[in-house]
Each structure stands twice: as structure tokens, then as C-alpha cells.
Amino acid sequence: SAFVPLHIYIDSGDTPLAAYQFELKTVAGRVKIVGVEGGDHPAFSEPPYYDPAALANDRIIIAAFNTGSNLPAGKTRMATLHLLVTGDTAPEYDIELSAAADPDGQKISAQITFDQGDIQ
């Protein structure tokens, strides 16, 4: 088994991002989420909210919002998931951004991506 960080990025272009929600599913491999860390920007540096019940089903739903005026725009690391990978199959993930909103609560177009950090 190995510990693997999975860095989650959201790119909101020129629009400030005030809120987001995404779902991450494991589609191959055996993974247990052992921690959730906040992002790079001060507005989202606290760990985001997540649904503990979803953890049992190889998926997690994560969401965060900030009502302040100092908000990120462009590509920003929003969270890091700390995973425990067991078994011999390399994990594969499916990620879906289900909501992204600007400071007025209006839905915005944004892209979500991830990259896997170094195995520990």
C-alpha cells in the first residue's frame, strides 16, 4: 500500500470563484481517502466540506464557498485529497464539477482537473 496525494484544480478563467462542488469516483483500483486538505488561495485554504457517507462507496463529494472579496480566478489548487492505495491495480479516477459560482451566486463555466502527487 502507498499514500498518494491527489491535487484538485479549478480554472474559472477571468471570473472570481466563490463556490464549487465536485464529485470524485474511483473507477479502478482500491483507494481509501484518509484526509482532505484545503487549497492554495487564502479564500479556500481551510479544508473543504465533504460527505463522509460517500466515502464508503469509493467516491467523495466535496464543496466549499467563500463570501469574501478576495477570491481566486484562473487555475487554482482548491484541495488535495490524501489517498491510501492498496492492491496492485493503479487507481483511475473520474471527476465531475457539479457546481461553480461567482460572488453573486451565478453559475459560471469552469474546468476541473487533477494531478497525482508523488507516492509516499
Protein backbone atom coordinates (compact mmCIF):
# COMPACT_ATOMS: atom_id res chain seq x y z
CA SER A 1 0.00 0.00 0.00
CA ALA A 2 1.06 3.60 -0.56
CA PHE A 3 -0.08 7.10 0.30
CA VAL A 4 -0.82 9.31 -2.70
CA PRO A 5 -1.85 12.98 -2.79
CA LEU A 6 -4.37 13.95 -5.47
CA HIS A 7 -4.30 17.70 -6.20
CA ILE A 8 -7.59 19.18 -7.45
CA TYR A 9 -7.55 22.33 -9.62
CA ILE A 10 -10.41 24.52 -10.80
CA ASP A 11 -9.93 27.06 -13.58
CA SER A 12 -12.59 29.77 -13.58
CA GLY A 13 -10.89 31.87 -16.26
CA ASP A 14 -11.18 35.61 -15.52
CA THR A 15 -14.18 35.16 -13.22
CA PRO A 16 -13.66 35.09 -9.44
CA LEU A 17 -14.66 31.70 -8.00
CA ALA A 18 -16.76 31.94 -4.82
CA ALA A 19 -18.18 28.41 -4.60
CA TYR A 20 -17.66 24.94 -6.02
CA GLN A 21 -18.78 21.35 -5.66
CA PHE A 22 -17.30 18.26 -7.24
CA GLU A 23 -17.53 14.51 -7.06
CA LEU A 24 -14.56 12.19 -7.38
CA LYS A 25 -15.08 8.48 -8.06
CA THR A 26 -12.54 5.69 -8.12
CA VAL A 27 -13.17 3.69 -11.31
CA ALA A 28 -10.19 1.32 -10.98
CA GLY A 29 -8.01 0.24 -8.11
CA ARG A 30 -8.67 0.23 -4.38
CA VAL A 31 -8.44 3.61 -2.70
CA LYS A 32 -9.34 4.94 0.74
CA ILE A 33 -9.49 8.67 1.35
CA VAL A 34 -7.58 9.36 4.56
CA GLY A 35 -7.53 13.15 4.52
CA VAL A 36 -8.77 16.29 2.81
CA GLU A 37 -6.64 19.44 2.71
CA GLY A 38 -7.54 22.97 1.64
CA GLY A 39 -6.19 24.81 -1.37
CA ASP A 40 -3.51 27.37 -2.22
CA HIS A 41 -5.64 30.54 -2.23
CA PRO A 42 -6.41 32.12 1.19
CA ALA A 43 -10.15 32.09 0.40
CA PHE A 44 -10.06 28.27 0.20
CA SER A 45 -7.15 27.35 2.48
CA GLU A 46 -9.42 25.65 5.04
CA PRO A 47 -10.31 22.02 4.29
CA PRO A 48 -13.50 21.87 2.19
CA TYR A 49 -16.73 20.23 3.30
CA TYR A 50 -17.32 16.65 2.29
CA ASP A 51 -19.91 13.93 2.69
CA PRO A 52 -18.47 11.23 5.00
CA ALA A 53 -21.20 8.77 3.95
CA ALA A 54 -19.97 8.85 0.37
CA LEU A 55 -16.51 7.70 1.41
CA ALA A 56 -17.71 4.14 1.83
CA ASN A 57 -18.68 3.89 -1.84
CA ASP A 58 -15.32 4.77 -3.48
CA ARG A 59 -16.48 8.31 -4.08
CA ILE A 60 -16.42 11.64 -2.32
CA ILE A 61 -18.44 14.81 -2.77
CA ILE A 62 -16.56 17.97 -1.81
CA ALA A 63 -17.82 21.55 -1.66
CA ALA A 64 -16.65 24.94 -0.43
CA PHE A 65 -17.72 28.56 -0.62
CA ASN A 66 -16.37 31.94 0.42
CA THR A 67 -18.39 35.15 0.73
CA GLY A 68 -15.33 37.42 0.90
CA SER A 69 -13.98 39.73 -1.79
CA ASN A 70 -10.50 38.15 -2.11
CA LEU A 71 -11.33 35.25 -4.42
CA PRO A 72 -9.24 33.23 -6.88
CA ALA A 73 -9.55 33.46 -10.65
CA GLY A 74 -7.78 31.30 -13.21
CA LYS A 75 -6.36 27.87 -12.42
CA THR A 76 -6.06 27.35 -8.67
CA ARG A 77 -5.42 24.30 -6.49
CA MET A 78 -8.64 24.07 -4.50
CA ALA A 79 -7.98 20.92 -2.47
CA THR A 80 -5.68 17.96 -2.01
CA LEU A 81 -7.10 14.54 -1.23
CA HIS A 82 -4.80 12.19 0.64
CA LEU A 83 -5.38 8.62 -0.51
CA LEU A 84 -4.28 5.22 0.69
CA VAL A 85 -3.88 2.98 -2.34
CA THR A 86 -3.98 -0.77 -1.72
CA GLY A 87 -3.68 -3.68 -4.12
CA ASP A 88 -1.75 -3.99 -7.35
CA THR A 89 -4.07 -2.08 -9.69
CA ALA A 90 -3.12 1.53 -10.40
CA PRO A 91 -6.02 3.76 -9.41
CA GLU A 92 -8.06 5.60 -12.01
CA TYR A 93 -10.44 8.42 -11.20
CA ASP A 94 -13.45 10.15 -12.67
CA ILE A 95 -14.01 13.73 -11.54
CA GLU A 96 -17.02 15.93 -12.23
CA LEU A 97 -17.50 19.58 -11.35
CA SER A 98 -21.19 19.79 -10.47
CA ALA A 99 -21.25 23.47 -9.46
CA ALA A 100 -19.14 26.62 -9.79
CA ALA A 101 -20.40 30.09 -8.90
CA ASP A 102 -19.25 33.70 -8.85
CA PRO A 103 -19.63 36.07 -5.85
CA ASP A 104 -23.22 36.85 -6.89
CA GLY A 105 -24.14 33.17 -6.77
CA GLN A 106 -24.41 32.92 -10.53
CA LYS A 107 -23.31 29.70 -12.21
CA ILE A 108 -20.06 30.10 -14.11
CA SER A 109 -18.20 27.99 -16.61
CA ALA A 110 -15.13 26.39 -15.06
CA GLN A 111 -12.87 23.41 -15.69
CA ILE A 112 -11.75 20.88 -13.08
CA THR A 113 -8.55 18.86 -13.38
CA PHE A 114 -6.35 16.85 -11.05
CA ASP A 115 -2.85 15.52 -10.87
CA GLN A 116 -1.40 12.83 -8.69
CA GLY A 117 1.50 13.80 -6.47
CA ASP A 118 4.43 11.62 -5.53
CA ILE A 119 3.68 8.24 -3.98
CA GLN A 120 4.92 8.02 -0.41
